[in-house]
Protein backbone atom coordinates (compact mmCIF):
# COMPACT_ATOMS: atom_id res chain seq x y z
CA UNK A 1 -9.25 13.35 -13.37
CA UNK A 2 -12.51 12.93 -11.57
CA UNK A 3 -12.94 11.07 -8.21
CA UNK A 4 -14.51 8.06 -9.83
CA UNK A 5 -11.65 7.82 -12.40
CA UNK A 6 -9.19 7.90 -9.54
CA UNK A 7 -11.12 5.24 -7.72
CA UNK A 8 -11.34 3.07 -10.80
CA UNK A 9 -7.60 3.50 -11.57
CA UNK A 10 -6.75 2.55 -7.93
CA UNK A 11 -9.11 -0.46 -7.83
CA UNK A 12 -7.79 -1.72 -11.17
CA UNK A 13 -4.15 -1.63 -9.77
CA UNK A 14 -5.49 -3.15 -6.59
CA UNK A 15 -7.08 -6.05 -8.38
CA UNK A 16 -3.74 -6.72 -10.30
CA UNK A 17 -1.92 -6.67 -7.04
CA UNK A 18 -4.34 -9.15 -5.48
CA UNK A 19 -3.88 -11.33 -8.56
CA UNK A 20 -0.15 -11.40 -8.21
CA UNK A 21 -0.48 -13.69 -5.17
CA UNK A 22 -3.68 -15.45 -5.89
CA UNK A 23 -3.47 -19.20 -5.42
CA UNK A 24 -0.32 -19.23 -3.31
CA UNK A 25 -0.31 -21.57 -0.27
CA UNK A 26 0.18 -20.20 3.25
CA UNK A 27 3.64 -21.71 2.92
CA UNK A 28 4.46 -19.92 -0.18
CA UNK A 29 3.08 -16.65 1.24
CA UNK A 30 5.46 -16.76 4.16
CA UNK A 31 8.62 -17.89 2.33
CA UNK A 32 11.29 -15.12 2.47
CA UNK A 33 13.16 -14.03 -0.71
CA UNK A 34 10.39 -12.33 -2.77
CA UNK A 35 12.00 -8.84 -2.38
CA UNK A 36 15.25 -9.11 -0.53
CA UNK A 37 14.20 -11.08 2.65
CA UNK A 38 10.63 -10.10 2.34
CA UNK A 39 7.92 -12.78 1.85
CA UNK A 40 4.61 -12.07 0.21
CA UNK A 41 3.13 -11.74 3.68
CA UNK A 42 5.68 -9.02 4.39
CA UNK A 43 4.80 -7.25 1.06
CA UNK A 44 1.04 -7.41 2.08
CA UNK A 45 1.94 -5.82 5.47
CA UNK A 46 3.93 -3.17 3.64
CA UNK A 47 1.15 -2.32 1.35
CA UNK A 48 -1.13 -2.01 4.44
CA UNK A 49 1.36 0.17 6.12
CA UNK A 50 1.31 2.66 3.24
CA UNK A 51 -2.35 2.69 2.92
CA UNK A 52 -2.54 3.38 6.64
CA UNK A 53 -0.05 6.20 6.19
CA UNK A 54 -2.35 7.76 3.57
CA UNK A 55 -5.24 7.44 5.98
CA UNK A 56 -3.16 9.06 8.85
CA UNK A 57 -1.76 11.93 6.75
CA UNK A 58 -4.45 13.00 4.32
CA UNK A 59 -6.70 14.84 6.88
CA UNK A 60 -3.59 17.16 7.64
CA UNK A 61 -3.00 17.43 3.89
CA UNK A 62 -6.69 18.29 3.18
CA UNK A 63 -6.37 21.18 5.81
CA UNK A 64 -3.34 22.60 4.04
CA UNK A 65 -0.73 21.05 6.43
CA UNK A 66 2.26 19.05 5.63
CA UNK A 67 3.21 15.79 7.39
CA UNK A 68 6.68 15.59 8.77
CA UNK A 69 9.20 14.19 6.44
CA UNK A 70 10.20 10.42 7.02
CA UNK A 71 13.88 11.53 6.98
CA UNK A 72 13.19 13.67 10.08
CA UNK A 73 11.06 11.03 12.02
CA UNK A 74 12.73 7.81 10.96
CA UNK A 75 15.99 8.50 9.18
CA UNK A 76 14.37 8.11 5.73
CA UNK A 77 11.74 5.95 4.02
CA UNK A 78 13.92 2.82 3.96
CA UNK A 79 14.38 3.04 7.77
CA UNK A 80 10.57 3.60 8.21
CA UNK A 81 9.76 0.51 5.90
CA UNK A 82 12.40 -1.69 7.89
CA UNK A 83 10.91 -0.53 11.20
CA UNK A 84 7.26 -1.31 10.18
CA UNK A 85 8.29 -4.59 8.53
CA UNK A 86 9.90 -5.67 11.85
CA UNK A 87 6.75 -4.48 13.77
CA UNK A 88 4.50 -6.58 11.58
CA UNK A 89 6.62 -9.71 11.33
CA UNK A 90 4.96 -11.37 14.32
CA UNK A 91 1.47 -11.04 12.87
CA UNK A 92 -0.01 -14.21 11.45
CA UNK A 93 -0.80 -14.45 7.69
CA UNK A 94 -4.49 -14.37 8.59
CA UNK A 95 -4.01 -11.01 10.58
CA UNK A 96 -1.96 -9.52 7.75
CA UNK A 97 -4.66 -10.37 5.15
CA UNK A 98 -7.42 -9.08 7.44
CA UNK A 99 -5.54 -5.71 7.94
CA UNK A 100 -4.92 -5.51 4.11
CA UNK A 101 -8.54 -5.74 3.25
CA UNK A 102 -9.92 -3.68 6.15
CA UNK A 103 -7.33 -0.81 5.50
CA UNK A 104 -8.19 -0.80 1.84
CA UNK A 105 -11.85 -0.62 2.43
CA UNK A 106 -11.33 2.29 4.86
CA UNK A 107 -9.05 3.90 2.30
CA UNK A 108 -11.75 3.70 -0.51
CA UNK A 109 -14.36 5.09 1.93
CA UNK A 110 -12.17 7.96 2.92
CA UNK A 111 -11.52 8.90 -0.87
CA UNK A 112 -15.18 8.79 -1.53
CA UNK A 113 -15.84 11.34 1.16
CA UNK A 114 -13.13 13.86 -0.11
CA UNK A 115 -14.47 16.97 -1.87
CA UNK A 116 -14.46 16.65 -5.65
CA UNK A 117 -12.19 19.85 -6.07
CA UNK A 118 -9.29 17.62 -4.78
CA UNK A 119 -9.43 15.51 -7.89
CA UNK A 120 -9.56 18.22 -10.68
CA UNK A 121 -5.88 18.83 -10.64
CA UNK A 122 -2.63 17.28 -9.19
CA UNK A 123 -3.33 18.36 -5.58
CA UNK A 124 -1.13 17.23 -2.72
CA UNK A 125 -3.90 14.89 -1.71
CA UNK A 126 -4.00 13.21 -5.17
CA UNK A 127 -0.18 12.89 -5.25
CA UNK A 128 -0.19 11.18 -1.79
CA UNK A 129 -2.79 8.79 -2.84
CA UNK A 130 -1.18 8.05 -6.14
CA UNK A 131 2.31 7.48 -4.52
CA UNK A 132 0.97 5.30 -1.73
CA UNK A 133 -1.39 3.18 -3.87
CA UNK A 134 -1.92 2.77 -7.50
CA UNK A 135 1.86 3.67 -8.44
CA UNK A 136 2.95 1.55 -5.45
CA UNK A 137 0.93 -1.67 -5.93
CA UNK A 138 2.47 -2.47 -9.40
CA UNK A 139 6.04 -2.49 -8.02
CA UNK A 140 5.28 -5.17 -5.64
CA UNK A 141 2.84 -7.13 -7.87
CA UNK A 142 5.69 -7.36 -10.39
CA UNK A 143 8.14 -8.56 -7.78
CA UNK A 144 5.67 -11.23 -6.78
CA UNK A 145 5.07 -12.33 -10.30
CA UNK A 146 8.72 -12.51 -11.09
CA UNK A 147 9.35 -14.51 -7.94
CA UNK A 148 6.62 -16.91 -8.82
CA UNK A 149 8.09 -17.39 -12.32
CA UNK A 150 11.40 -18.22 -10.84
CA UNK A 151 9.85 -20.92 -8.66
CA UNK A 152 8.35 -22.78 -11.44
């Protein structure tokens, strides 16, 4: 896979994710119950959190280092997700959306600057990007679509 192929794949999954909540009212966006007690707003904040994690950890990964495990730092990924959800709950929908789009823009810019050799095989960098983005977005897009279908 080349860099542009990865970006194209990521952006396609991103567009599908954005489409999953397109047209929802602010009230619908903040209604709990989409995934457990999460609202669409909580899911957007969650996606932003993982893109931020990619931005935070890829410099170390590119230097050959390994970020500390979530089990060591937080007691696991579920505990990390719960902590970050609680931290971001007080943000307004507008703030969550602003962070979502700004973080995504920064992520794409970072990927564009990464050396091409990181894309020629399944590097740790590529794995991190895949797990936190284009293989992550569809899980939440599908949950939002299913929730929307139940509401109609």
